[in-house]
């Protein structure tokens, strides 16, 4: 029975692992001639030999192990995490781990998408809290039926839209961009790697997403690595990362010119519950935590040691850590687990910085690295803000409208398609992925 369940799960996940959902599905491949607006001819020389200009965007990245607990309907807590009181960023990359409990039925059965929808609905409402739907004009479209469909589905009026969202068991990564940036995003794709049970199931592993903004490629890896604080467990985590780097693969695109592997991309960020611990006795760790001696603890941090050794993490960077360990708390409290007498059956977990955000390469400048204070689970969320350099072509193509060029979107349900509908109408007849 166990073997059959595992085999079915592996084969089913392999087949569906490249599907994802987004607000604006499209399966059209556009020719160069169709890129120009208003029937204007494209500038071939500008397309193949564009002069480049640099734009800077603000990008928010967060990771949070929510311990299988469903989100609370409290926008204030999400606003605290996003730090919206200090203004909004242009791009939001949000990674979650354990959005569902990691029990056998969730690991071996189909993904529980209800919890995923709840998180995305909460994110949507938080980012678009101040939007005025009536004041919004959707492009220059004169098609009232089309505008009516978009408005009815909640797409019109959003300042932020979901670019890509993908779940694998308990791992969820969701990317949101300002609506005025969406036309300049192309080639979204996902790649899932399971490193859990039998080395292939999704209770541990990664979900990676990639896309191209203007002429710069991005790759984000949301990972949940092997847990454990015994000596040698850190080697299992590093082995997980080696597997993720090796097995993650993206389509090369129509012209076979797109990056295929993680490190082939221009901007790369790894976020998640990486589970690296502190190589000190538990009693010493707790004493140093009580004294808030972060320097002595970080000197024995396993991930920092891996970054310095530069094996799997050669060329990766992490910003300074000036916040307390994010794990393991008693839920709904500020108390670390094990500070009081625990039940004999409970495992003690020394505090550690399990939840991290690191990046690879150039073009990324971190301006903030901290943690949120939500007490929902036994982890505190970690967040970072980056200033990102993006190559923007100059000349006539700068104003051309680049639409999604991907076949990886979920197909529009047949019951939403009216017989005789045009292709432009079909694009918006499907309900948005995450309606409130």
Protein backbone atom coordinates (compact mmCIF):
# COMPACT_ATOMS: atom_id res chain seq x y z
CA UNK A 1 0.00 0.00 0.00
CA UNK A 2 2.74 2.48 1.01
CA UNK A 3 4.75 1.77 -2.15
CA UNK A 4 1.70 2.29 -4.38
CA UNK A 5 0.78 5.57 -2.69
CA UNK A 6 4.32 6.90 -2.99
CA UNK A 7 4.57 5.87 -6.66
CA UNK A 8 1.24 7.52 -7.49
CA UNK A 9 2.31 10.69 -5.71
CA UNK A 10 5.67 10.86 -7.48
CA UNK A 11 4.19 10.33 -10.94
CA UNK A 12 1.30 12.71 -10.36
CA UNK A 13 3.59 15.47 -9.09
CA UNK A 14 5.99 15.01 -11.98
CA UNK A 15 3.16 15.51 -14.48
CA UNK A 16 1.71 18.60 -12.83
CA UNK A 17 4.80 20.16 -11.33
CA UNK A 18 5.13 22.91 -13.96
CA UNK A 19 1.58 24.26 -13.65
CA UNK A 20 0.89 27.43 -11.69
CA UNK A 21 -1.82 30.03 -11.27
CA UNK A 22 -1.84 33.79 -11.80
CA UNK A 23 -4.23 36.68 -12.28
CA UNK A 24 -3.68 37.03 -16.03
CA UNK A 25 -3.46 33.64 -17.76
CA UNK A 26 -2.49 33.64 -21.42
CA UNK A 27 -1.38 30.89 -23.77
CA UNK A 28 -0.75 33.08 -26.81
CA UNK A 29 2.73 33.20 -28.34
CA UNK A 30 3.17 36.65 -29.84
CA UNK A 31 5.26 37.31 -32.91
CA UNK A 32 7.63 40.26 -33.09
CA UNK A 33 5.15 42.07 -35.36
CA UNK A 34 2.45 41.74 -32.69
CA UNK A 35 4.66 43.37 -30.07
CA UNK A 36 4.22 46.83 -31.50
CA UNK A 37 1.19 48.78 -30.41
CA UNK A 38 -1.28 50.25 -32.85
CA UNK A 39 0.07 48.25 -35.79
CA UNK A 40 3.41 50.05 -35.63
CA UNK A 41 6.35 48.16 -37.16
CA UNK A 42 8.98 46.98 -34.71
CA UNK A 43 12.53 48.26 -34.90
CA UNK A 44 14.51 45.10 -35.72
CA UNK A 45 17.87 46.67 -34.94
CA UNK A 46 16.59 47.93 -31.59
CA UNK A 47 15.23 44.48 -30.76
CA UNK A 48 18.36 42.48 -31.47
CA UNK A 49 20.91 45.11 -30.38
CA UNK A 50 19.08 47.24 -27.82
CA UNK A 51 20.80 50.01 -25.94
CA UNK A 52 20.32 49.35 -22.24
CA UNK A 53 19.30 51.60 -19.41
CA UNK A 54 19.08 50.73 -15.70
CA UNK A 55 15.87 51.10 -13.72
CA UNK A 56 15.77 50.60 -9.96
CA UNK A 57 12.86 48.89 -8.22
CA UNK A 58 12.13 48.17 -4.56
CA UNK A 59 11.46 44.52 -3.81
CA UNK A 60 10.07 43.00 -0.61
CA UNK A 61 10.95 39.38 0.22
CA UNK A 62 9.68 37.37 3.19
CA UNK A 63 9.68 33.80 4.46
CA UNK A 64 7.48 32.32 7.14
CA UNK A 65 6.95 28.81 8.49
CA UNK A 66 3.35 29.00 9.67
CA UNK A 67 3.30 25.56 11.30
CA UNK A 68 0.21 24.23 9.52
CA UNK A 69 -1.98 27.01 10.95
CA UNK A 70 -4.46 28.75 8.64
CA UNK A 71 -4.14 32.53 8.29
CA UNK A 72 -6.04 34.87 10.54
CA UNK A 73 -8.38 37.35 8.91
CA UNK A 74 -6.41 40.27 10.28
CA UNK A 75 -5.05 42.75 7.74
CA UNK A 76 -3.21 44.66 10.47
CA UNK A 77 -0.84 41.73 11.06
CA UNK A 78 -0.05 41.41 7.36
CA UNK A 79 0.47 45.17 7.14
CA UNK A 80 2.96 44.88 9.99
CA UNK A 81 4.83 42.16 8.11
CA UNK A 82 4.81 44.15 4.86
CA UNK A 83 5.65 47.38 6.73
CA UNK A 84 3.16 49.26 4.54
CA UNK A 85 3.23 52.26 6.87
CA UNK A 86 6.58 53.13 5.24
CA UNK A 87 5.19 52.86 1.72
CA UNK A 88 4.83 50.05 -0.77
CA UNK A 89 7.48 48.24 -2.78
CA UNK A 90 7.18 47.45 -6.49
CA UNK A 91 7.54 43.67 -6.19
CA UNK A 92 6.52 41.31 -3.36
CA UNK A 93 7.96 37.79 -3.11
CA UNK A 94 6.34 35.84 -0.28
CA UNK A 95 7.41 32.35 0.74
CA UNK A 96 5.64 30.08 3.22
CA UNK A 97 6.40 26.68 4.66
CA UNK A 98 3.98 24.26 6.30
CA UNK A 99 0.84 26.03 5.11
CA UNK A 100 -0.73 22.62 5.80
CA UNK A 101 0.28 20.08 8.48
CA UNK A 102 2.90 17.67 7.13
CA UNK A 103 0.89 14.53 7.78
CA UNK A 104 0.72 11.56 5.42
CA UNK A 105 -2.60 12.53 3.80
CA UNK A 106 -1.20 15.93 2.80
CA UNK A 107 2.17 14.61 1.66
CA UNK A 108 0.77 11.70 -0.36
CA UNK A 109 -2.56 13.17 -1.40
CA UNK A 110 -3.41 16.10 -3.70
CA UNK A 111 -2.38 19.59 -2.59
CA UNK A 112 -4.84 21.34 -0.29
CA UNK A 113 -5.39 24.50 -2.31
CA UNK A 114 -8.00 26.00 0.03
CA UNK A 115 -5.34 27.22 2.45
CA UNK A 116 -3.29 28.58 -0.45
CA UNK A 117 -6.31 30.59 -1.63
CA UNK A 118 -6.82 31.98 1.86
CA UNK A 119 -3.23 33.23 2.08
CA UNK A 120 -3.41 34.79 -1.39
CA UNK A 121 -6.75 36.40 -0.63
CA UNK A 122 -5.30 37.97 2.52
CA UNK A 123 -2.23 39.16 0.60
CA UNK A 124 -4.43 40.62 -2.15
CA UNK A 125 -6.57 42.58 0.29
CA UNK A 126 -3.54 43.86 2.18
CA UNK A 127 -1.66 45.10 -0.90
CA UNK A 128 -4.77 46.59 -2.50
CA UNK A 129 -6.34 48.00 0.63
CA UNK A 130 -6.28 51.60 -0.60
CA UNK A 131 -7.32 50.98 -4.22
CA UNK A 132 -10.30 52.76 -5.72
CA UNK A 133 -12.01 50.53 -8.25
CA UNK A 134 -14.18 53.31 -9.68
CA UNK A 135 -11.19 55.54 -10.42
CA UNK A 136 -9.30 52.85 -12.29
CA UNK A 137 -9.12 52.81 -16.07
CA UNK A 138 -7.97 49.58 -17.67
CA UNK A 139 -5.65 50.61 -20.49
CA UNK A 140 -7.25 52.12 -23.56
CA UNK A 141 -9.79 49.39 -24.15
CA UNK A 142 -13.12 50.49 -25.57
CA UNK A 143 -14.65 47.04 -25.19
CA UNK A 144 -17.25 47.60 -22.49
CA UNK A 145 -18.08 43.90 -22.22
CA UNK A 146 -14.39 43.11 -21.62
CA UNK A 147 -14.02 45.84 -19.02
CA UNK A 148 -17.21 44.65 -17.33
CA UNK A 149 -15.83 41.10 -17.13
CA UNK A 150 -12.55 42.30 -15.62
CA UNK A 151 -14.33 44.52 -13.13
CA UNK A 152 -16.74 41.73 -12.14
CA UNK A 153 -13.79 39.39 -11.49
CA UNK A 154 -12.00 41.89 -9.29
CA UNK A 155 -9.04 42.47 -11.63
CA UNK A 156 -9.80 46.09 -12.52
CA UNK A 157 -8.76 48.54 -9.87
CA UNK A 158 -5.95 46.53 -8.30
CA UNK A 159 -2.65 48.28 -7.73
CA UNK A 160 -0.98 44.87 -7.25
CA UNK A 161 -1.70 41.66 -9.12
CA UNK A 162 -0.53 38.09 -8.63
CA UNK A 163 2.16 37.32 -11.16
CA UNK A 164 2.72 33.70 -10.18
CA UNK A 165 1.76 31.42 -7.29
CA UNK A 166 2.81 27.82 -6.77
CA UNK A 167 2.26 25.28 -4.00
CA UNK A 168 3.98 21.95 -3.33
CA UNK A 169 2.50 20.22 -0.25
CA UNK A 170 3.25 22.79 2.49
CA UNK A 171 5.57 25.07 0.51
CA UNK A 172 3.99 28.11 -1.14
CA UNK A 173 5.65 30.92 -3.06
CA UNK A 174 3.60 33.79 -4.43
CA UNK A 175 4.87 36.82 -6.36
CA UNK A 176 2.97 40.10 -6.69
CA UNK A 177 3.87 43.12 -8.81
CA UNK A 178 2.46 46.56 -9.38
CA UNK A 179 -0.11 46.40 -12.15
CA UNK A 180 1.80 48.91 -14.27
CA UNK A 181 4.81 46.55 -14.30
CA UNK A 182 2.87 43.47 -15.39
CA UNK A 183 3.00 44.22 -19.15
CA UNK A 184 6.81 44.15 -18.97
CA UNK A 185 7.01 40.68 -17.41
CA UNK A 186 7.57 37.63 -19.62
CA UNK A 187 8.39 33.93 -19.45
CA UNK A 188 7.06 33.06 -15.96
CA UNK A 189 7.78 29.45 -15.03
CA UNK A 190 8.10 27.16 -12.00
CA UNK A 191 10.22 24.17 -10.98
CA UNK A 192 9.56 21.90 -7.98
CA UNK A 193 12.07 19.63 -6.27
CA UNK A 194 11.06 17.18 -3.56
CA UNK A 195 13.75 16.20 -1.03
CA UNK A 196 11.55 14.65 1.65
CA UNK A 197 10.45 11.07 2.20
CA UNK A 198 12.45 8.67 0.02
CA UNK A 199 14.39 11.69 -1.24
CA UNK A 200 11.62 12.75 -3.60
CA UNK A 201 8.40 13.72 -1.81
CA UNK A 202 7.42 17.30 -1.15
CA UNK A 203 7.29 17.46 2.64
CA UNK A 204 10.79 18.95 2.21
CA UNK A 205 12.31 20.53 -0.86
CA UNK A 206 11.81 23.68 -2.89
CA UNK A 207 9.51 25.56 -5.22
CA UNK A 208 11.38 27.90 -7.56
CA UNK A 209 9.87 30.55 -9.79
CA UNK A 210 11.43 32.60 -12.55
CA UNK A 211 10.40 35.42 -14.85
CA UNK A 212 11.94 38.19 -16.88
CA UNK A 213 11.24 41.84 -16.06
CA UNK A 214 12.19 44.00 -19.02
CA UNK A 215 15.56 42.46 -19.97
CA UNK A 216 16.58 41.09 -16.54
CA UNK A 217 15.85 37.52 -15.42
CA UNK A 218 14.84 36.71 -11.83
CA UNK A 219 14.82 33.42 -9.94
CA UNK A 220 13.39 32.91 -6.44
CA UNK A 221 13.80 29.65 -4.52
CA UNK A 222 11.47 28.97 -1.58
CA UNK A 223 12.96 26.05 0.35
CA UNK A 224 12.18 23.91 3.37
CA UNK A 225 15.25 21.85 4.22
CA UNK A 226 15.82 18.84 6.49
CA UNK A 227 15.28 19.58 10.17
CA UNK A 228 17.24 18.32 13.16
CA UNK A 229 19.88 19.57 15.56
CA UNK A 230 22.04 16.47 15.86
CA UNK A 231 25.66 16.57 14.76
CA UNK A 232 25.79 15.99 11.02
CA UNK A 233 22.24 17.16 10.30
CA UNK A 234 23.65 20.32 8.72
CA UNK A 235 25.29 18.12 6.08
CA UNK A 236 21.84 16.79 5.14
CA UNK A 237 20.62 20.34 4.67
CA UNK A 238 23.58 21.20 2.49
CA UNK A 239 22.93 18.01 0.52
CA UNK A 240 19.32 19.14 0.06
CA UNK A 241 20.57 22.43 -1.40
CA UNK A 242 22.92 20.60 -3.76
CA UNK A 243 19.97 18.53 -4.98
CA UNK A 244 17.84 21.64 -5.44
CA UNK A 245 20.56 23.41 -7.42
CA UNK A 246 21.08 20.34 -9.59
CA UNK A 247 17.47 19.29 -10.22
CA UNK A 248 15.79 22.68 -10.62
CA UNK A 249 15.34 23.35 -14.32
CA UNK A 250 13.32 25.83 -16.38
CA UNK A 251 12.26 25.79 -20.06
CA UNK A 252 14.62 27.60 -22.41
CA UNK A 253 11.84 29.51 -24.15
CA UNK A 254 10.90 29.87 -27.85
CA UNK A 255 14.38 30.97 -28.91
CA UNK A 256 16.25 28.63 -26.50
CA UNK A 257 17.93 31.68 -24.98
CA UNK A 258 16.37 31.76 -21.52
CA UNK A 259 18.29 30.64 -18.41
CA UNK A 260 17.76 26.99 -17.54
CA UNK A 261 19.46 26.57 -14.15
CA UNK A 262 19.13 28.66 -11.00
CA UNK A 263 22.51 30.41 -11.18
CA UNK A 264 22.08 31.23 -14.87
CA UNK A 265 19.63 34.00 -13.92
CA UNK A 266 20.61 37.65 -13.43
CA UNK A 267 19.05 38.08 -9.96
CA UNK A 268 18.72 35.09 -7.61
CA UNK A 269 17.26 34.98 -4.08
CA UNK A 270 16.89 31.98 -1.76
CA UNK A 271 14.33 32.24 1.02
CA UNK A 272 12.83 29.73 3.40
CA UNK A 273 13.07 27.62 6.51
CA UNK A 274 16.60 26.46 5.80
CA UNK A 275 16.73 24.86 9.25
CA UNK A 276 20.43 25.58 9.90
CA UNK A 277 21.12 25.60 13.64
CA UNK A 278 23.79 26.84 16.06
CA UNK A 279 26.69 24.49 16.79
CA UNK A 280 26.75 24.97 20.56
CA UNK A 281 25.32 23.03 23.51
CA UNK A 282 21.69 23.87 24.18
CA UNK A 283 22.39 25.32 27.62
CA UNK A 284 25.03 27.67 26.20
CA UNK A 285 22.68 28.78 23.42
CA UNK A 286 19.91 29.62 25.85
CA UNK A 287 22.28 31.55 28.11
CA UNK A 288 23.60 33.60 25.17
CA UNK A 289 20.03 34.25 23.98
CA UNK A 290 19.09 35.53 27.43
CA UNK A 291 22.08 37.90 27.23
CA UNK A 292 21.17 38.87 23.63
CA UNK A 293 24.74 38.05 22.64
CA UNK A 294 23.95 37.59 18.96
CA UNK A 295 27.60 37.86 17.92
CA UNK A 296 28.72 34.80 19.91
CA UNK A 297 25.76 32.80 18.59
CA UNK A 298 26.29 33.83 14.96
CA UNK A 299 29.94 32.84 15.20
CA UNK A 300 28.67 29.25 15.47
CA UNK A 301 25.78 29.58 13.02
CA UNK A 302 25.82 26.68 10.55
CA UNK A 303 24.58 28.64 7.51
CA UNK A 304 27.18 31.37 8.00
CA UNK A 305 29.81 28.64 8.18
CA UNK A 306 28.52 27.22 4.88
CA UNK A 307 28.57 30.67 3.25
CA UNK A 308 32.18 31.13 4.36
CA UNK A 309 33.26 27.65 3.21
CA UNK A 310 31.72 28.38 -0.18
CA UNK A 311 30.86 24.86 -1.33
CA UNK A 312 27.19 24.80 -2.35
CA UNK A 313 26.83 28.46 -1.37
CA UNK A 314 29.84 29.87 -3.20
CA UNK A 315 29.07 33.43 -4.29
CA UNK A 316 26.01 33.80 -2.03
CA UNK A 317 25.53 36.69 0.41
CA UNK A 318 23.50 37.44 3.52
CA UNK A 319 22.91 40.78 5.19
CA UNK A 320 23.86 41.43 8.83
CA UNK A 321 21.58 39.72 11.38
CA UNK A 322 20.59 42.09 14.16
CA UNK A 323 17.47 40.33 15.39
CA UNK A 324 16.78 37.45 17.84
CA UNK A 325 16.58 33.82 16.66
CA UNK A 326 13.31 33.11 14.87
CA UNK A 327 12.79 29.55 16.15
CA UNK A 328 11.45 27.85 18.25
CA UNK A 329 8.71 29.75 20.09
CA UNK A 330 5.71 28.60 22.03
CA UNK A 331 2.86 29.70 19.70
CA UNK A 332 1.00 32.84 20.78
CA UNK A 333 3.82 33.87 23.11
CA UNK A 334 7.23 35.51 23.23
CA UNK A 335 8.71 32.50 25.05
CA UNK A 336 11.18 30.13 23.43
CA UNK A 337 10.19 26.47 23.55
CA UNK A 338 11.91 24.56 26.34
CA UNK A 339 12.44 27.49 28.68
CA UNK A 340 10.05 25.81 31.10
CA UNK A 341 9.73 22.16 32.03
CA UNK A 342 8.51 20.36 28.93
CA UNK A 343 6.63 17.08 28.74
CA UNK A 344 8.94 14.08 28.61
CA UNK A 345 7.57 13.15 25.17
CA UNK A 346 8.32 16.58 23.66
CA UNK A 347 11.55 17.25 21.81
CA UNK A 348 13.53 20.22 23.01
CA UNK A 349 14.57 22.68 20.32
CA UNK A 350 17.26 25.24 21.08
CA UNK A 351 16.69 28.71 19.58
CA UNK A 352 18.13 29.20 16.09
CA UNK A 353 17.96 31.42 13.01
CA UNK A 354 16.23 28.76 10.89
CA UNK A 355 14.46 31.26 8.62
CA UNK A 356 16.77 33.09 6.21
CA UNK A 357 16.98 35.15 3.03
CA UNK A 358 20.21 35.11 1.00
CA UNK A 359 21.08 36.18 -2.52
CA UNK A 360 23.49 35.43 -5.33
CA UNK A 361 25.31 37.68 -7.76
CA UNK A 362 25.14 41.39 -8.48
CA UNK A 363 22.38 43.94 -9.02
CA UNK A 364 20.79 43.43 -5.60
CA UNK A 365 21.37 45.81 -2.69
CA UNK A 366 19.72 44.92 0.60
CA UNK A 367 18.38 47.92 2.51
CA UNK A 368 16.56 46.08 5.30
CA UNK A 369 16.80 42.64 6.97
CA UNK A 370 14.67 41.87 9.97
CA UNK A 371 11.84 39.83 11.34
CA UNK A 372 8.14 40.24 11.99
CA UNK A 373 6.56 39.67 15.38
CA UNK A 374 3.48 37.64 14.51
CA UNK A 375 2.94 34.90 17.11
CA UNK A 376 0.84 32.66 14.87
CA UNK A 377 3.31 29.75 14.81
CA UNK A 378 6.54 28.56 16.44
CA UNK A 379 8.54 30.59 13.86
CA UNK A 380 8.78 34.34 13.45
CA UNK A 381 8.61 35.59 9.85
CA UNK A 382 11.75 37.05 8.30
CA UNK A 383 11.70 39.89 5.78
CA UNK A 384 14.09 41.85 3.61
CA UNK A 385 13.88 44.80 1.24
CA UNK A 386 16.13 45.04 -1.81
CA UNK A 387 16.90 47.76 -4.31
CA UNK A 388 17.04 45.90 -7.61
CA UNK A 389 18.72 46.99 -10.84
CA UNK A 390 16.81 46.03 -13.99
CA UNK A 391 18.00 46.39 -17.57
CA UNK A 392 15.48 48.32 -19.65
CA UNK A 393 15.97 48.59 -23.44
CA UNK A 394 16.02 52.11 -24.80
CA UNK A 395 14.47 53.15 -28.09
CA UNK A 396 11.21 52.19 -29.65
CA UNK A 397 10.82 48.82 -27.91
CA UNK A 398 10.79 50.61 -24.57
CA UNK A 399 7.12 51.42 -25.14
CA UNK A 400 6.13 48.08 -26.62
CA UNK A 401 3.78 45.91 -24.67
CA UNK A 402 5.36 42.60 -23.60
CA UNK A 403 2.78 40.07 -22.52
CA UNK A 404 3.22 36.75 -20.77
CA UNK A 405 4.75 34.15 -23.08
CA UNK A 406 4.16 30.92 -21.24
CA UNK A 407 2.28 27.69 -21.71
CA UNK A 408 2.45 26.85 -18.00
CA UNK A 409 -0.75 28.56 -16.82
CA UNK A 410 -3.68 26.45 -15.72
CA UNK A 411 -6.12 26.10 -18.60
CA UNK A 412 -9.35 28.11 -18.57
CA UNK A 413 -12.19 25.84 -17.40
CA UNK A 414 -14.39 24.80 -20.30
CA UNK A 415 -17.56 25.74 -18.46
CA UNK A 416 -16.44 29.37 -18.45
CA UNK A 417 -16.09 29.53 -22.22
CA UNK A 418 -19.08 30.56 -24.31
CA UNK A 419 -19.38 29.06 -27.76
CA UNK A 420 -18.22 31.54 -30.38
CA UNK A 421 -16.18 33.68 -28.01
CA UNK A 422 -13.14 35.46 -29.41
CA UNK A 423 -9.62 34.81 -28.12
CA UNK A 424 -9.43 38.25 -26.46
CA UNK A 425 -12.66 37.56 -24.61
CA UNK A 426 -11.47 34.14 -23.45
CA UNK A 427 -8.50 35.67 -21.67
CA UNK A 428 -10.77 37.33 -19.14
CA UNK A 429 -13.70 34.91 -18.92
CA UNK A 430 -11.84 32.76 -16.42
CA UNK A 431 -12.21 33.87 -12.84
CA UNK A 432 -9.04 35.28 -11.29
CA UNK A 433 -7.02 32.72 -9.40
CA UNK A 434 -7.58 34.10 -5.92
CA UNK A 435 -10.89 35.88 -5.59
CA UNK A 436 -11.84 37.28 -2.20
